[in-house]
Amino acid sequence: AVYSASFSPDSKRIVTASADNTARVWDISGKQIAELKGHTQAVYSANFSPDGKRIVTASLDNTARVWRADNLDELLSRGCQWLNDYLVTNPKDLETLEVCQNKSNLIAAAPFLVQEGENEARSGNIDNAVATFHTAFRWNPSLKFDPKAKAQEFANKGKAESLIAEGERILKESNVKEALADYADAQKLDPNVEISADSWNTLCRQGSLGGYAKDVLFACDKAVALAPGDRNNRDSRGLARALTSNTQGAIIDFEAYIAQTDDEDIKAQRQRWVKDLRAGKNPFTDAEIKKLRK
């Protein structure tokens, strides 16, 4: 329960007395500025002094207390200064804490607010993203982009990233054709969607072992291009090349792998593959493919 509420002499603050043993000071928008704690029972009355520099409270604990109020604005300003760096990088909090807003920190926070909007769009919240972008424009009018177009762009990015993640997941279940479709759809939505070398390598290897070497060869090339020093990428591409009759290319990739591995058993296996390929034989029999799948 609130037992008392009074304006300050300048009408910029309100002090309330409450059954929770506190008095509290608020600005006229309803944001709490201070909490006066010390009474041990309900506070029934609280008022500013005529000059607004003090507050007097009366309580059921048989005491009245006098509190300094002339420094509340100073404390609020100091608190905003302490929080300034945090509020700039957490613009949603700055947006709700209007009392701490100033031209300088609003301009500094605008790029971070744009990032918030991009994240909202990635999550599919296009309307929220557009509203966030408009707020960023109010904070920094020099920003130049179309809020709706930008929101749609990042919504597409989010969908594309989800498709890649789904493609990676179903590759583990050997659903190569569905994974290929997911990768293709992702790149249609966002031609610049980020796909890691590991992701391309997974598609390359699983596709090759699943009978789709020709279809996934492009993924093998992308994996090697992104991480040419990764021996696993060269190994997977060597497999795809061998299965698509690019014998010389396969030999080059396998020899690169052999030069980088210290595992003698794996090295011997690749050396056998190279020997067969040089002799014009296909080392990748059904039995060998089955073994590699395991």
Protein backbone atom coordinates (compact mmCIF):
# COMPACT_ATOMS: atom_id res chain seq x y z
CA ALA A 1 0.00 0.00 0.00
CA VAL A 2 1.03 3.59 -0.68
CA TYR A 3 -0.08 5.86 2.15
CA SER A 4 1.19 9.21 0.94
CA ALA A 5 2.35 10.92 -2.26
CA SER A 6 3.61 14.50 -2.55
CA PHE A 7 5.17 16.67 -5.24
CA SER A 8 8.46 18.48 -4.75
CA PRO A 9 8.27 22.31 -4.79
CA ASP A 10 9.50 22.39 -8.41
CA SER A 11 6.96 19.70 -9.38
CA LYS A 12 9.72 17.57 -10.97
CA ARG A 13 9.73 14.83 -8.35
CA ILE A 14 7.27 12.88 -6.25
CA VAL A 15 7.93 11.26 -2.87
CA THR A 16 5.77 8.34 -1.73
CA ALA A 17 5.40 6.64 1.65
CA SER A 18 4.63 2.93 1.69
CA ALA A 19 3.71 -0.07 3.82
CA ASP A 20 6.93 -1.78 2.69
CA ASN A 21 8.88 0.39 5.25
CA THR A 22 10.32 2.67 2.54
CA ALA A 23 9.84 6.09 1.03
CA ARG A 24 10.66 6.42 -2.65
CA VAL A 25 11.40 9.34 -4.95
CA TRP A 26 10.20 9.31 -8.56
CA ASP A 27 10.45 11.59 -11.56
CA ILE A 28 7.19 12.73 -13.13
CA SER A 29 7.34 10.01 -15.80
CA GLY A 30 7.15 7.38 -13.06
CA LYS A 31 10.79 6.26 -12.99
CA GLN A 32 12.24 5.65 -9.55
CA ILE A 33 15.10 7.98 -8.63
CA ALA A 34 15.79 6.92 -5.04
CA GLU A 35 14.68 4.48 -2.36
CA LEU A 36 14.89 5.72 1.24
CA LYS A 37 15.43 2.69 3.48
CA GLY A 38 15.90 2.67 7.25
CA HIS A 39 12.47 2.57 8.86
CA THR A 40 11.55 -0.76 10.43
CA GLN A 41 7.79 -0.43 9.98
CA ALA A 42 5.37 1.13 7.51
CA VAL A 43 6.01 4.73 6.46
CA TYR A 44 2.77 6.71 6.61
CA SER A 45 3.92 10.15 5.51
CA ALA A 46 6.65 11.69 3.37
CA ASN A 47 7.05 15.31 2.24
CA PHE A 48 9.63 17.63 0.72
CA SER A 49 10.81 20.69 2.62
CA PRO A 50 9.69 24.00 1.07
CA ASP A 51 13.11 24.47 -0.57
CA GLY A 52 13.08 20.87 -1.91
CA LYS A 53 16.43 20.05 -0.29
CA ARG A 54 15.15 17.62 2.33
CA ILE A 55 12.48 14.97 2.80
CA VAL A 56 10.82 14.18 6.12
CA THR A 57 9.22 10.78 6.74
CA ALA A 58 7.02 9.49 9.59
CA SER A 59 6.67 5.81 10.42
CA LEU A 60 4.86 3.33 12.65
CA ASP A 61 8.29 2.49 14.10
CA ASN A 62 7.78 5.62 16.32
CA THR A 63 10.38 7.69 14.43
CA ALA A 64 10.47 10.54 11.97
CA ARG A 65 13.52 10.88 9.78
CA VAL A 66 15.00 13.65 7.66
CA TRP A 67 16.75 12.79 4.40
CA ARG A 68 18.87 14.94 2.11
CA ALA A 69 17.15 15.45 -1.26
CA ASP A 70 19.17 18.26 -2.78
CA ASN A 71 21.69 15.80 -4.31
CA LEU A 72 19.22 13.38 -5.90
CA ASP A 73 19.52 14.99 -9.32
CA GLU A 74 23.29 14.96 -8.97
CA LEU A 75 23.21 11.28 -8.01
CA LEU A 76 21.00 10.53 -10.99
CA SER A 77 23.37 12.36 -13.31
CA ARG A 78 26.37 10.54 -11.83
CA GLY A 79 24.61 7.21 -12.20
CA CYS A 80 23.93 7.95 -15.85
CA GLN A 81 27.60 8.79 -16.33
CA TRP A 82 28.68 5.52 -14.71
CA LEU A 83 26.29 3.61 -16.94
CA ASN A 84 27.09 5.52 -20.11
CA ASP A 85 29.48 3.01 -21.72
CA TYR A 86 27.13 0.15 -20.88
CA LEU A 87 24.09 1.98 -22.23
CA VAL A 88 25.84 2.81 -25.52
CA THR A 89 26.55 -0.87 -26.20
CA ASN A 90 23.17 -2.00 -24.81
CA PRO A 91 20.87 0.41 -26.64
CA LYS A 92 17.63 -1.33 -25.68
CA ASP A 93 18.35 -0.40 -22.05
CA LEU A 94 19.21 3.16 -23.08
CA GLU A 95 15.91 3.30 -24.96
CA THR A 96 13.97 2.55 -21.77
CA LEU A 97 16.12 4.78 -19.53
CA GLU A 98 15.16 8.10 -21.08
CA VAL A 99 16.55 10.08 -18.14
CA CYS A 100 20.09 9.03 -19.19
CA GLN A 101 19.67 9.90 -22.85
CA ASN A 102 21.67 12.73 -24.38
CA LYS A 103 22.61 13.65 -27.93
CA SER A 104 26.13 12.27 -27.61
CA ASN A 105 25.27 8.81 -26.30
CA LEU A 106 22.27 8.44 -28.62
CA ILE A 107 24.50 9.01 -31.66
CA ALA A 108 27.13 6.62 -30.26
CA ALA A 109 24.51 3.96 -29.51
CA ALA A 110 22.77 4.15 -32.91
CA PRO A 111 25.10 1.61 -34.64
CA PHE A 112 24.57 -0.84 -31.79
CA LEU A 113 20.82 -0.33 -32.11
CA VAL A 114 21.12 -1.12 -35.83
CA GLN A 115 22.82 -4.39 -34.83
CA GLU A 116 19.89 -5.13 -32.50
CA GLY A 117 17.53 -4.60 -35.42
CA GLU A 118 19.60 -6.89 -37.62
CA ASN A 119 19.41 -9.61 -34.96
CA GLU A 120 15.65 -9.16 -34.66
CA ALA A 121 15.30 -9.52 -38.43
CA ARG A 122 17.51 -12.63 -38.44
CA SER A 123 15.11 -14.13 -35.91
CA GLY A 124 12.18 -13.38 -38.20
CA ASN A 125 10.85 -10.38 -36.24
CA ILE A 126 10.73 -8.07 -39.25
CA ASP A 127 8.22 -5.57 -37.81
CA ASN A 128 10.26 -5.21 -34.61
CA ALA A 129 13.41 -4.77 -36.69
CA VAL A 130 11.85 -1.99 -38.77
CA ALA A 131 10.73 -0.20 -35.59
CA THR A 132 14.24 -0.55 -34.14
CA PHE A 133 15.79 0.88 -37.32
CA HIS A 134 13.44 3.87 -37.17
CA THR A 135 14.52 4.52 -33.58
CA ALA A 136 18.14 4.37 -34.71
CA PHE A 137 17.32 7.02 -37.35
CA ARG A 138 15.85 9.28 -34.65
CA TRP A 139 19.01 8.89 -32.61
CA ASN A 140 21.32 9.52 -35.56
CA PRO A 141 19.60 11.15 -38.59
CA SER A 142 22.78 10.72 -40.66
CA LEU A 143 22.14 6.97 -41.02
CA LYS A 144 21.30 6.10 -44.62
CA PHE A 145 19.46 2.87 -45.45
CA ASP A 146 15.95 1.62 -46.15
CA PRO A 147 14.60 0.08 -42.90
CA LYS A 148 12.23 -2.32 -44.65
CA ALA A 149 14.82 -3.45 -47.21
CA LYS A 150 17.45 -3.94 -44.50
CA ALA A 151 15.03 -5.90 -42.33
CA GLN A 152 14.17 -8.19 -45.25
CA GLU A 153 17.85 -8.62 -46.10
CA PHE A 154 18.69 -9.83 -42.60
CA ALA A 155 15.54 -11.92 -42.40
CA ASN A 156 16.81 -13.70 -45.52
CA LYS A 157 20.22 -14.09 -43.90
CA GLY A 158 18.60 -15.68 -40.87
CA LYS A 159 16.59 -18.09 -43.01
CA ALA A 160 19.68 -18.96 -45.05
CA GLU A 161 21.72 -19.67 -41.92
CA SER A 162 18.90 -21.88 -40.60
CA LEU A 163 18.84 -23.81 -43.87
CA ILE A 164 22.60 -24.40 -43.68
CA ALA A 165 22.26 -25.62 -40.10
CA GLU A 166 19.43 -27.92 -41.15
CA GLY A 167 21.49 -29.19 -44.09
CA GLU A 168 24.37 -30.00 -41.76
CA ARG A 169 21.99 -31.83 -39.44
CA ILE A 170 20.41 -34.04 -42.09
CA LEU A 171 23.80 -34.83 -43.59
CA LYS A 172 24.46 -36.80 -40.42
CA GLU A 173 21.47 -38.91 -41.43
CA SER A 174 22.94 -39.32 -44.95
CA ASN A 175 20.12 -37.32 -46.57
CA VAL A 176 22.44 -35.86 -49.19
CA LYS A 177 19.82 -34.77 -51.73
CA GLU A 178 17.82 -32.87 -49.09
CA ALA A 179 20.99 -31.28 -47.77
CA LEU A 180 21.99 -30.17 -51.26
CA ALA A 181 18.56 -28.58 -51.67
CA ASP A 182 18.95 -26.75 -48.35
CA TYR A 183 22.37 -25.40 -49.32
CA ALA A 184 21.05 -24.28 -52.72
CA ASP A 185 17.98 -22.58 -51.20
CA ALA A 186 20.19 -20.85 -48.63
CA GLN A 187 22.39 -19.39 -51.34
CA LYS A 188 19.35 -18.21 -53.29
CA LEU A 189 18.06 -16.37 -50.22
CA ASP A 190 21.45 -14.89 -49.45
CA PRO A 191 24.25 -15.33 -52.01
CA ASN A 192 26.72 -14.17 -49.35
CA VAL A 193 25.57 -16.52 -46.61
CA GLU A 194 28.59 -17.63 -44.60
CA ILE A 195 29.30 -21.34 -44.96
CA SER A 196 32.39 -22.68 -43.21
CA ALA A 197 35.04 -24.88 -44.77
CA ASP A 198 34.03 -27.64 -42.35
CA SER A 199 30.43 -27.41 -43.53
CA TRP A 200 31.45 -27.65 -47.20
CA ASN A 201 33.77 -30.54 -46.35
CA THR A 202 30.97 -32.43 -44.60
CA LEU A 203 28.76 -32.04 -47.67
CA CYS A 204 31.65 -33.12 -49.89
CA ARG A 205 32.50 -36.26 -47.94
CA GLN A 206 28.98 -37.40 -47.07
CA GLY A 207 27.82 -36.74 -50.62
CA SER A 208 30.73 -38.67 -52.11
CA LEU A 209 30.16 -41.63 -49.82
CA GLY A 210 26.43 -41.47 -50.54
CA GLY A 211 26.81 -41.76 -54.32
CA TYR A 212 26.59 -38.05 -55.18
CA ALA A 213 30.27 -37.28 -55.83
CA LYS A 214 29.55 -35.38 -59.05
CA ASP A 215 26.87 -33.28 -57.36
CA VAL A 216 29.03 -32.31 -54.37
CA LEU A 217 32.35 -31.75 -56.14
CA PHE A 218 31.74 -27.98 -56.07
CA ALA A 219 31.46 -28.22 -52.25
CA CYS A 220 34.82 -30.03 -52.13
CA ASP A 221 36.44 -27.21 -54.11
CA LYS A 222 34.92 -24.58 -51.81
CA ALA A 223 36.21 -26.37 -48.71
CA VAL A 224 39.75 -26.51 -50.11
CA ALA A 225 39.58 -22.89 -51.27
CA LEU A 226 38.54 -21.71 -47.79
CA ALA A 227 41.06 -23.87 -45.90
CA PRO A 228 43.72 -25.14 -48.32
CA GLY A 229 46.01 -26.22 -45.48
CA ASP A 230 43.43 -28.56 -43.92
CA ARG A 231 44.40 -32.09 -44.91
CA ASN A 232 40.86 -33.39 -44.33
CA ASN A 233 39.50 -31.09 -47.02
CA ARG A 234 42.11 -32.38 -49.47
CA ASP A 235 41.30 -35.98 -48.50
CA SER A 236 37.57 -35.54 -49.09
CA ARG A 237 38.13 -33.83 -52.42
CA GLY A 238 40.51 -36.61 -53.41
CA LEU A 239 37.70 -39.09 -52.78
CA ALA A 240 35.23 -37.06 -54.87
CA ARG A 241 37.75 -36.63 -57.67
CA ALA A 242 38.52 -40.34 -57.76
CA LEU A 243 34.82 -41.16 -57.92
CA THR A 244 34.34 -38.74 -60.81
CA SER A 245 37.30 -40.14 -62.81
CA ASN A 246 39.68 -37.25 -62.10
CA THR A 247 42.50 -39.67 -61.29
CA GLN A 248 45.39 -37.19 -61.41
CA GLY A 249 43.55 -34.67 -59.24
CA ALA A 250 42.72 -37.39 -56.73
CA ILE A 251 46.36 -38.50 -56.54
CA ILE A 252 47.49 -34.90 -55.89
CA ASP A 253 44.98 -34.49 -53.05
CA PHE A 254 45.76 -37.84 -51.44
CA GLU A 255 49.50 -37.18 -51.59
CA ALA A 256 48.93 -33.82 -49.91
CA TYR A 257 47.03 -35.63 -47.16
CA ILE A 258 49.74 -38.28 -46.80
CA ALA A 259 52.40 -35.60 -46.40
CA GLN A 260 50.53 -34.05 -43.47
CA THR A 261 49.36 -37.05 -41.42
CA ASP A 262 51.35 -38.91 -38.77
CA ASP A 263 48.85 -41.78 -38.51
CA GLU A 264 50.70 -44.69 -40.09
CA ASP A 265 47.58 -46.82 -40.66
CA ILE A 266 45.71 -44.02 -42.43
CA LYS A 267 48.84 -43.09 -44.37
CA ALA A 268 49.22 -46.70 -45.57
CA GLN A 269 45.57 -46.77 -46.67
CA ARG A 270 45.98 -43.59 -48.76
CA GLN A 271 49.24 -44.86 -50.21
CA ARG A 272 47.39 -47.97 -51.35
CA TRP A 273 44.72 -45.81 -52.98
CA VAL A 274 47.37 -43.79 -54.82
CA LYS A 275 49.10 -46.98 -55.98
CA ASP A 276 45.85 -48.38 -57.37
CA LEU A 277 44.96 -45.09 -59.07
CA ARG A 278 48.37 -44.91 -60.73
CA ALA A 279 47.86 -48.47 -61.96
CA GLY A 280 44.50 -47.54 -63.46
CA LYS A 281 42.54 -49.42 -60.82
CA ASN A 282 39.55 -48.19 -58.82
CA PRO A 283 40.37 -48.51 -55.10
CA PHE A 284 36.87 -47.46 -54.12
CA THR A 285 34.99 -50.72 -54.35
CA ASP A 286 31.63 -51.12 -52.66
CA ALA A 287 33.41 -52.79 -49.76
CA GLU A 288 35.87 -49.89 -49.42
CA ILE A 289 33.06 -47.30 -49.55
CA LYS A 290 31.14 -49.23 -46.89
CA LYS A 291 34.23 -49.27 -44.70
CA LEU A 292 34.68 -45.51 -45.11
CA ARG A 293 31.05 -44.86 -44.21
CA LYS A 294 31.61 -46.62 -40.92
